[in-house]
């Protein structure tokens, strides 16, 4: 069916009520944004029909403005998105243009289209400038609170609110603000539960929780949530969301130590991403396959995958991820004994991370730099970095145990007794500390 030939409204409405009734239209929905938006609007409206507030709004729409069908409402949302794209085009170019525009004080920006555009920009900036992402998300949430009551049917508003809070949690996760991310997801869950059909929203929250718990190294808790979300997406034929959640399962499976299963998951997803021309997923899977190869001692294969991921992120303009991949490549050089190359790369990477507000990552890069200089027998450089570690860890708001570990390295450096094993011991401790925030630091047994 050509994209220009839209599906009749009654068929779209039937599919919205029961996707199993018209599976034959799903291929068309994947390529036709207008019909898909009509289905989504139908689903959102239907999900709120049992709620008193929604009935009141529907009565008002019927009596004051005539019958409003899903197609017309979909057109309204399309118009909002197009207008948001137009009026925000130059405003979102930099943090300074956003601040100067002061859009939260102007009524013309108080629409769902503007909120959606801001949150989409925030998610994009997570990979480029997380601090700017936080400003965008904060602006989006504030504007959401300013949208007039009854501007949308209740179901659509609750769905918008749930998605805003879910995306805000993602921004917090990239910034390492885990407590704030958990609170945002709890609020998103409450918003989605206002919908009669809350399955998609709750699946998104479960996936968000899985990603957050994984970032905290709480993988045993994360895995079942990711699997539940994937099952929901699969049952609803949400292919891209299903694959993204399966990629999360692959990451967690790898970190739990099931290497063969993780490799199979990554390989299948890599092939699927290539077939779908999904560059982001392909890059993530390339990185995952590279890590598995690196940990298995196959440095040649690891290097190939890491370089592929780097090139993909460069092509997409995801600067923060480009820096992270350069960090992975520098660490690989360190493992291969190429300390001189690694030291040069790590110095540049540390500066790039710090510029983007990724302070805790920058602090961990300093540990890699210390190890590289020790390998090169450039002890004064290594000792100088260690002398600054406690202050750097403090500025990065790292946990008390991490500060104790940094002080331990500083003391060894002052005594001229610092070794690579000490640095590796601290790095291993920081990994365990992320899983158990109350874990106290203890000097290694070999001391």
Protein backbone atom coordinates (compact mmCIF):
# COMPACT_ATOMS: atom_id res chain seq x y z
CA UNK A 1 0.00 0.00 0.00
CA UNK A 2 1.60 3.34 -1.01
CA UNK A 3 2.21 5.74 1.85
CA UNK A 4 -0.01 8.37 0.22
CA UNK A 5 -3.04 6.01 0.40
CA UNK A 6 -4.15 6.28 4.00
CA UNK A 7 -6.05 3.56 5.81
CA UNK A 8 -9.76 4.27 6.57
CA UNK A 9 -10.42 5.72 10.02
CA UNK A 10 -12.70 2.87 11.05
CA UNK A 11 -9.94 0.31 10.37
CA UNK A 12 -7.41 2.39 12.34
CA UNK A 13 -9.87 2.68 15.23
CA UNK A 14 -10.44 -1.09 15.23
CA UNK A 15 -6.69 -1.71 15.23
CA UNK A 16 -6.24 0.76 18.11
CA UNK A 17 -8.77 -1.23 20.15
CA UNK A 18 -7.34 -4.62 19.17
CA UNK A 19 -4.05 -4.82 17.22
CA UNK A 20 -4.71 -8.47 16.47
CA UNK A 21 -7.75 -7.57 14.38
CA UNK A 22 -5.81 -6.00 11.50
CA UNK A 23 -2.21 -7.24 11.51
CA UNK A 24 -2.08 -6.67 7.76
CA UNK A 25 -1.83 -2.88 8.20
CA UNK A 26 1.26 -2.92 10.44
CA UNK A 27 3.75 -2.60 7.59
CA UNK A 28 1.90 0.50 6.38
CA UNK A 29 1.87 1.98 9.91
CA UNK A 30 5.65 1.61 10.14
CA UNK A 31 6.07 3.85 7.09
CA UNK A 32 3.13 6.25 7.40
CA UNK A 33 3.45 8.74 10.23
CA UNK A 34 -0.04 10.19 9.76
CA UNK A 35 -1.87 6.87 10.11
CA UNK A 36 0.35 5.80 12.98
CA UNK A 37 -0.35 9.05 14.85
CA UNK A 38 -4.09 8.50 14.31
CA UNK A 39 -3.77 5.05 15.91
CA UNK A 40 -1.77 6.45 18.81
CA UNK A 41 -4.35 9.19 19.35
CA UNK A 42 -7.18 6.63 19.23
CA UNK A 43 -5.38 4.49 21.79
CA UNK A 44 -4.70 7.42 24.10
CA UNK A 45 -8.26 8.69 23.89
CA UNK A 46 -9.71 5.22 24.42
CA UNK A 47 -7.49 4.60 27.43
CA UNK A 48 -9.09 7.50 29.26
CA UNK A 49 -12.74 6.94 28.41
CA UNK A 50 -13.56 5.49 31.83
CA UNK A 51 -12.17 8.48 33.68
CA UNK A 52 -14.62 11.14 34.87
CA UNK A 53 -12.35 14.02 33.83
CA UNK A 54 -11.98 12.67 30.32
CA UNK A 55 -15.75 12.30 29.90
CA UNK A 56 -16.20 15.92 31.02
CA UNK A 57 -13.63 17.14 28.50
CA UNK A 58 -15.17 15.00 25.75
CA UNK A 59 -18.61 16.47 26.50
CA UNK A 60 -17.16 19.97 26.31
CA UNK A 61 -15.51 19.22 22.98
CA UNK A 62 -18.76 17.79 21.61
CA UNK A 63 -21.03 20.61 22.80
CA UNK A 64 -18.81 23.63 22.14
CA UNK A 65 -16.71 22.76 19.12
CA UNK A 66 -18.51 19.97 17.38
CA UNK A 67 -17.43 16.38 16.94
CA UNK A 68 -13.63 15.90 17.21
CA UNK A 69 -12.44 12.72 15.57
CA UNK A 70 -9.04 11.14 16.01
CA UNK A 71 -7.83 12.23 12.57
CA UNK A 72 -8.50 15.89 13.34
CA UNK A 73 -6.85 15.61 16.73
CA UNK A 74 -3.88 13.94 15.11
CA UNK A 75 -3.69 16.88 12.70
CA UNK A 76 -3.66 19.24 15.67
CA UNK A 77 -0.72 17.38 17.25
CA UNK A 78 1.10 17.39 13.90
CA UNK A 79 0.57 21.15 13.64
CA UNK A 80 1.91 21.61 17.17
CA UNK A 81 5.04 19.65 16.36
CA UNK A 82 5.62 21.58 13.15
CA UNK A 83 5.15 24.92 14.91
CA UNK A 84 7.50 23.84 17.72
CA UNK A 85 10.12 22.89 15.13
CA UNK A 86 9.81 26.31 13.53
CA UNK A 87 9.88 28.52 16.62
CA UNK A 88 12.58 26.54 18.43
CA UNK A 89 14.89 26.09 15.45
CA UNK A 90 17.46 28.75 16.41
CA UNK A 91 16.61 28.88 20.12
CA UNK A 92 17.98 25.38 20.78
CA UNK A 93 21.31 25.94 19.02
CA UNK A 94 23.24 26.57 22.25
CA UNK A 95 22.61 26.79 26.01
CA UNK A 96 23.03 30.57 25.69
CA UNK A 97 20.36 31.02 23.03
CA UNK A 98 17.97 28.92 25.14
CA UNK A 99 18.60 30.99 28.25
CA UNK A 100 18.35 34.29 26.35
CA UNK A 101 15.01 33.35 24.74
CA UNK A 102 13.39 32.85 28.18
CA UNK A 103 10.65 30.73 26.60
CA UNK A 104 9.08 29.69 29.92
CA UNK A 105 7.79 33.26 30.31
CA UNK A 106 6.04 33.31 26.91
CA UNK A 107 2.57 31.75 26.46
CA UNK A 108 3.11 30.88 22.79
CA UNK A 109 5.57 28.15 23.85
CA UNK A 110 3.09 26.41 26.18
CA UNK A 111 2.17 23.46 23.97
CA UNK A 112 2.79 19.75 23.94
CA UNK A 113 4.69 20.17 20.68
CA UNK A 114 7.24 22.43 22.36
CA UNK A 115 7.55 20.02 25.30
CA UNK A 116 8.12 17.07 22.95
CA UNK A 117 10.75 19.02 20.97
CA UNK A 118 12.59 20.03 24.13
CA UNK A 119 12.68 16.49 25.49
CA UNK A 120 13.85 15.08 22.15
CA UNK A 121 16.63 17.67 22.12
CA UNK A 122 17.52 16.76 25.73
CA UNK A 123 17.90 13.08 24.85
CA UNK A 124 20.09 13.99 21.90
CA UNK A 125 22.28 16.20 24.08
CA UNK A 126 22.81 13.36 26.59
CA UNK A 127 25.44 12.05 24.17
CA UNK A 128 26.91 15.48 23.45
CA UNK A 129 26.53 17.83 26.42
CA UNK A 130 24.75 16.28 29.44
CA UNK A 131 24.68 19.60 31.32
CA UNK A 132 22.79 21.23 28.43
CA UNK A 133 20.51 18.17 28.33
CA UNK A 134 19.55 18.90 31.94
CA UNK A 135 18.67 22.50 31.08
CA UNK A 136 16.51 21.37 28.15
CA UNK A 137 14.69 18.74 30.20
CA UNK A 138 14.10 21.17 33.05
CA UNK A 139 12.62 23.68 30.62
CA UNK A 140 10.39 21.01 29.09
CA UNK A 141 9.02 19.90 32.45
CA UNK A 142 8.39 23.48 33.55
CA UNK A 143 6.46 24.27 30.37
CA UNK A 144 4.41 21.12 30.87
CA UNK A 145 3.22 22.51 34.22
CA UNK A 146 2.23 25.77 32.47
CA UNK A 147 -0.02 24.19 29.83
CA UNK A 148 -3.60 25.26 30.59
CA UNK A 149 -5.90 22.74 32.23
CA UNK A 150 -8.20 20.89 29.82
CA UNK A 151 -5.94 21.85 26.88
CA UNK A 152 -5.75 18.11 26.12
CA UNK A 153 -7.95 15.17 27.04
CA UNK A 154 -6.75 13.69 30.32
CA UNK A 155 -5.33 10.53 28.77
CA UNK A 156 -3.12 12.44 26.34
CA UNK A 157 -1.88 14.72 29.10
CA UNK A 158 -1.01 11.84 31.44
CA UNK A 159 0.80 10.08 28.59
CA UNK A 160 2.78 13.25 27.78
CA UNK A 161 3.65 13.77 31.44
CA UNK A 162 4.78 10.17 31.83
CA UNK A 163 7.06 10.40 28.82
CA UNK A 164 8.55 13.71 29.95
CA UNK A 165 9.43 12.28 33.37
CA UNK A 166 10.79 9.07 31.83
CA UNK A 167 13.07 11.10 29.56
CA UNK A 168 14.09 13.34 32.45
CA UNK A 169 15.22 10.19 34.29
CA UNK A 170 17.45 9.34 31.31
CA UNK A 171 19.11 12.76 31.51
CA UNK A 172 19.70 12.31 35.24
CA UNK A 173 21.21 8.87 34.58
CA UNK A 174 23.74 10.27 32.12
CA UNK A 175 24.76 12.83 34.73
CA UNK A 176 25.12 10.16 37.40
CA UNK A 177 22.26 11.64 39.46
CA UNK A 178 20.78 8.25 40.31
CA UNK A 179 18.50 9.24 43.21
CA UNK A 180 16.89 11.95 41.09
CA UNK A 181 16.47 9.48 38.23
CA UNK A 182 14.68 6.95 40.48
CA UNK A 183 12.32 9.67 41.70
CA UNK A 184 11.57 10.80 38.14
CA UNK A 185 10.73 7.21 37.10
CA UNK A 186 8.43 6.80 40.10
CA UNK A 187 6.55 9.93 39.03
CA UNK A 188 6.43 8.70 35.43
CA UNK A 189 4.97 5.39 36.59
CA UNK A 190 2.26 7.23 38.54
CA UNK A 191 1.36 9.25 35.43
CA UNK A 192 1.14 6.17 33.20
CA UNK A 193 -1.05 4.38 35.75
CA UNK A 194 -3.69 7.04 35.14
CA UNK A 195 -4.21 5.43 31.71
CA UNK A 196 -6.60 2.54 31.26
CA UNK A 197 -4.07 0.85 28.97
CA UNK A 198 -0.82 1.51 30.81
CA UNK A 199 1.17 -1.33 29.24
CA UNK A 200 3.42 0.72 26.93
CA UNK A 201 4.11 3.35 29.55
CA UNK A 202 4.95 0.86 32.27
CA UNK A 203 7.17 -1.08 29.86
CA UNK A 204 9.10 2.12 29.23
CA UNK A 205 9.43 2.71 32.97
CA UNK A 206 10.66 -0.86 33.51
CA UNK A 207 13.26 -0.43 30.79
CA UNK A 208 14.29 2.90 32.30
CA UNK A 209 14.65 1.28 35.73
CA UNK A 210 16.70 -1.55 34.24
CA UNK A 211 19.08 0.94 32.61
CA UNK A 212 19.36 2.89 35.84
CA UNK A 213 19.98 -0.19 38.00
CA UNK A 214 22.55 -1.40 35.51
CA UNK A 215 24.33 1.97 35.75
CA UNK A 216 24.43 1.38 39.52
CA UNK A 217 25.80 -2.14 38.91
CA UNK A 218 22.64 -3.72 40.37
CA UNK A 219 22.35 -6.12 37.45
CA UNK A 220 20.52 -8.94 39.22
CA UNK A 221 17.64 -6.50 39.85
CA UNK A 222 17.85 -4.98 36.38
CA UNK A 223 17.65 -8.15 34.28
CA UNK A 224 14.06 -9.26 35.09
CA UNK A 225 12.77 -5.72 34.52
CA UNK A 226 14.43 -5.57 31.11
CA UNK A 227 12.97 -8.96 30.17
CA UNK A 228 9.45 -7.90 31.22
CA UNK A 229 9.73 -4.72 29.15
CA UNK A 230 11.00 -6.66 26.11
CA UNK A 231 8.10 -9.11 26.36
CA UNK A 232 5.58 -6.26 26.44
CA UNK A 233 7.15 -4.61 23.38
CA UNK A 234 7.27 -7.89 21.49
CA UNK A 235 3.59 -8.60 22.19
CA UNK A 236 2.69 -5.13 20.91
CA UNK A 237 4.87 -5.53 17.79
CA UNK A 238 7.02 -2.53 18.78
CA UNK A 239 10.08 -3.75 16.90
CA UNK A 240 12.55 -0.95 17.59
CA UNK A 241 11.70 -0.70 21.27
CA UNK A 242 11.92 -4.48 21.54
CA UNK A 243 15.39 -4.51 19.99
CA UNK A 244 16.59 -1.65 22.19
CA UNK A 245 15.47 -3.53 25.29
CA UNK A 246 17.13 -6.71 24.05
CA UNK A 247 20.35 -4.73 23.72
CA UNK A 248 20.02 -3.78 27.39
CA UNK A 249 19.56 -7.47 28.22
CA UNK A 250 22.76 -8.23 26.30
CA UNK A 251 24.72 -5.62 28.30
CA UNK A 252 23.42 -6.94 31.62
CA UNK A 253 23.97 -10.58 30.62
CA UNK A 254 27.57 -9.76 29.75
CA UNK A 255 28.16 -8.00 33.05
CA UNK A 256 26.67 -10.95 34.91
CA UNK A 257 29.34 -13.15 33.31
CA UNK A 258 27.40 -15.22 30.76
CA UNK A 259 29.74 -14.43 27.87
CA UNK A 260 28.43 -16.90 25.24
CA UNK A 261 24.83 -15.75 25.75
CA UNK A 262 25.86 -12.10 25.65
CA UNK A 263 27.87 -12.60 22.44
CA UNK A 264 24.92 -14.31 20.75
CA UNK A 265 22.57 -11.52 21.80
CA UNK A 266 24.92 -8.81 20.54
CA UNK A 267 25.56 -10.61 17.25
CA UNK A 268 21.83 -11.05 16.54
CA UNK A 269 21.14 -7.42 17.42
CA UNK A 270 24.07 -6.19 15.33
CA UNK A 271 22.64 -8.01 12.29
CA UNK A 272 19.13 -6.71 12.99
CA UNK A 273 20.43 -3.14 13.36
CA UNK A 274 22.24 -3.44 10.04
CA UNK A 275 19.06 -4.66 8.33
CA UNK A 276 17.07 -1.78 9.85
CA UNK A 277 19.84 0.75 9.14
CA UNK A 278 19.80 1.70 12.83
CA UNK A 279 23.22 3.29 13.29
CA UNK A 280 22.86 3.94 17.02
CA UNK A 281 22.08 0.35 17.88
CA UNK A 282 24.73 -0.93 15.51
CA UNK A 283 27.32 1.29 17.25
CA UNK A 284 26.29 0.08 20.69
CA UNK A 285 26.41 -3.55 19.62
CA UNK A 286 29.80 -3.04 17.96
CA UNK A 287 31.10 -1.67 21.24
CA UNK A 288 29.61 -4.62 23.15
CA UNK A 289 31.21 -7.13 20.80
CA UNK A 290 34.48 -5.22 21.10
CA UNK A 291 34.42 -5.41 24.90
CA UNK A 292 33.78 -9.16 24.79
CA UNK A 293 36.70 -9.61 22.38
CA UNK A 294 38.96 -7.39 24.50
CA UNK A 295 38.16 -9.24 27.72
CA UNK A 296 38.84 -12.51 25.90
CA UNK A 297 42.29 -11.32 24.83
CA UNK A 298 41.40 -10.89 21.15
CA UNK A 299 42.72 -7.35 20.87
CA UNK A 300 42.68 -7.25 17.06
CA UNK A 301 38.94 -7.99 16.85
CA UNK A 302 38.26 -5.62 19.74
CA UNK A 303 40.09 -2.81 17.96
CA UNK A 304 38.07 -3.36 14.77
CA UNK A 305 34.75 -3.20 16.60
CA UNK A 306 35.76 -0.16 18.68
CA UNK A 307 36.86 1.73 15.57
CA UNK A 308 33.59 0.88 13.83
CA UNK A 309 31.60 2.17 16.81
CA UNK A 310 33.71 5.34 16.91
CA UNK A 311 33.11 6.02 13.22
CA UNK A 312 29.37 5.47 13.57
CA UNK A 313 29.12 7.88 16.51
CA UNK A 314 31.18 10.44 14.61
CA UNK A 315 28.84 10.15 11.64
CA UNK A 316 25.85 10.77 13.93
CA UNK A 317 27.52 13.71 15.68
CA UNK A 318 27.26 12.14 19.14
CA UNK A 319 30.27 13.87 20.63
CA UNK A 320 30.07 12.47 24.15
CA UNK A 321 29.91 8.91 22.81
CA UNK A 322 32.82 9.67 20.48
CA UNK A 323 34.89 10.65 23.53
CA UNK A 324 33.83 7.49 25.38
CA UNK A 325 34.86 5.31 22.43
CA UNK A 326 38.22 7.05 22.29
CA UNK A 327 38.55 6.23 25.98
CA UNK A 328 37.80 2.56 25.25
CA UNK A 329 40.43 2.55 22.50
CA UNK A 330 42.98 4.19 24.81
CA UNK A 331 42.33 1.56 27.48
CA UNK A 332 42.79 -1.12 24.84
CA UNK A 333 46.17 0.42 23.97
CA UNK A 334 47.08 0.28 27.65
CA UNK A 335 46.18 -3.42 27.83
CA UNK A 336 48.27 -4.06 24.71
CA UNK A 337 51.29 -2.42 26.36
CA UNK A 338 51.23 0.70 24.17
CA UNK A 339 51.60 3.03 27.13
CA UNK A 340 53.00 6.02 25.21
CA UNK A 341 50.08 6.05 22.80
CA UNK A 342 47.60 5.55 25.66
CA UNK A 343 49.05 8.37 27.77
CA UNK A 344 48.71 10.87 24.91
CA UNK A 345 45.16 9.81 24.14
CA UNK A 346 44.06 9.81 27.79
CA UNK A 347 45.26 13.37 28.38
CA UNK A 348 43.04 14.65 25.56
CA UNK A 349 40.11 12.45 26.62
CA UNK A 350 40.25 13.70 30.18
CA UNK A 351 39.98 17.33 29.00
CA UNK A 352 37.09 16.52 26.66
CA UNK A 353 35.12 14.77 29.40
CA UNK A 354 35.68 17.60 31.88
CA UNK A 355 34.52 20.18 29.33
CA UNK A 356 31.24 18.29 28.96
CA UNK A 357 30.59 18.19 32.70
CA UNK A 358 31.28 14.44 32.94
CA UNK A 359 33.39 14.91 36.07
CA UNK A 360 33.27 11.38 37.49
CA UNK A 361 34.36 9.90 34.14
CA UNK A 362 37.18 12.43 33.92
CA UNK A 363 38.29 11.42 37.43
CA UNK A 364 38.44 7.76 36.44
CA UNK A 365 40.46 8.63 33.35
CA UNK A 366 43.08 10.00 35.74
CA UNK A 367 43.54 6.48 37.14
CA UNK A 368 44.28 5.23 33.63
CA UNK A 369 46.73 8.09 33.15
CA UNK A 370 48.54 7.17 36.36
CA UNK A 371 48.88 3.58 35.18
CA UNK A 372 50.18 4.65 31.76
CA UNK A 373 52.88 6.87 33.29
CA UNK A 374 53.91 4.13 35.70
CA UNK A 375 54.32 1.77 32.75
CA UNK A 376 56.53 4.40 31.09
CA UNK A 377 58.48 4.84 34.36
CA UNK A 378 57.51 8.50 34.33
CA UNK A 379 57.03 8.42 38.08
CA UNK A 380 56.91 12.16 38.67
CA UNK A 381 53.98 12.53 36.27
CA UNK A 382 52.15 9.66 37.96
CA UNK A 383 52.82 11.03 41.45
CA UNK A 384 51.70 14.51 40.41
CA UNK A 385 48.34 13.19 39.17
CA UNK A 386 47.85 11.21 42.40
CA UNK A 387 48.51 14.33 44.46
CA UNK A 388 45.44 15.94 42.84
CA UNK A 389 43.12 12.91 43.00
CA UNK A 390 41.40 13.67 46.36
CA UNK A 391 40.45 17.17 45.20
CA UNK A 392 39.35 15.90 41.79
CA UNK A 393 37.19 13.14 43.31
CA UNK A 394 35.66 15.68 45.72
CA UNK A 395 34.78 18.07 42.88
CA UNK A 396 33.17 15.16 41.01
CA UNK A 397 30.91 14.48 44.04
CA UNK A 398 32.19 10.92 44.31
CA UNK A 399 31.33 8.77 47.33
CA UNK A 400 33.28 8.89 50.58
CA UNK A 401 34.87 5.51 49.90
CA UNK A 402 36.21 6.80 46.57
CA UNK A 403 37.77 9.79 48.36
CA UNK A 404 39.46 7.42 50.81
CA UNK A 405 40.84 5.40 47.89
CA UNK A 406 42.12 8.56 46.23
CA UNK A 407 43.84 9.59 49.46
CA UNK A 408 45.43 6.15 49.64
CA UNK A 409 46.99 6.60 46.19
CA UNK A 410 48.13 10.11 47.09
CA UNK A 411 49.86 8.79 50.22
CA UNK A 412 51.64 6.03 48.31
CA UNK A 413 52.76 8.55 45.70
CA UNK A 414 54.20 10.81 48.41
CA UNK A 415 56.09 7.81 49.83
CA UNK A 416 57.26 6.87 46.32
CA UNK A 417 55.78 3.38 46.79
CA UNK A 418 53.02 3.56 44.16
CA UNK A 419 52.62 0.59 41.76
CA UNK A 420 50.27 -0.41 38.95
CA UNK A 421 48.72 -3.03 41.23
CA UNK A 422 47.67 -0.27 43.61
CA UNK A 423 45.99 1.65 40.79
CA UNK A 424 44.22 -1.48 39.56
CA UNK A 425 43.09 -2.25 43.13
CA UNK A 426 41.48 1.19 43.40
CA UNK A 427 39.84 0.84 39.98
CA UNK A 428 38.37 -2.53 40.98
CA UNK A 429 37.16 -1.03 44.24
CA UNK A 430 35.35 1.79 42.42
CA UNK A 431 33.51 -0.80 40.32
CA UNK A 432 32.41 -2.63 43.47
CA UNK A 433 31.56 0.67 45.21
CA UNK A 434 29.04 1.46 42.46
CA UNK A 435 27.19 -1.73 43.41
CA UNK A 436 27.50 -1.21 47.18
CA UNK A 437 27.67 2.52 48.03
CA UNK A 438 28.38 1.78 51.71
CA UNK A 439 31.41 -0.40 50.93
CA UNK A 440 34.46 0.84 52.81
CA UNK A 441 37.86 1.02 51.15
CA UNK A 442 40.56 -1.33 52.38
CA UNK A 443 44.20 -1.41 51.26
CA UNK A 444 45.13 -4.46 49.16
CA UNK A 445 46.38 -7.69 50.78
CA UNK A 446 49.75 -7.39 49.06
CA UNK A 447 50.52 -4.26 51.10
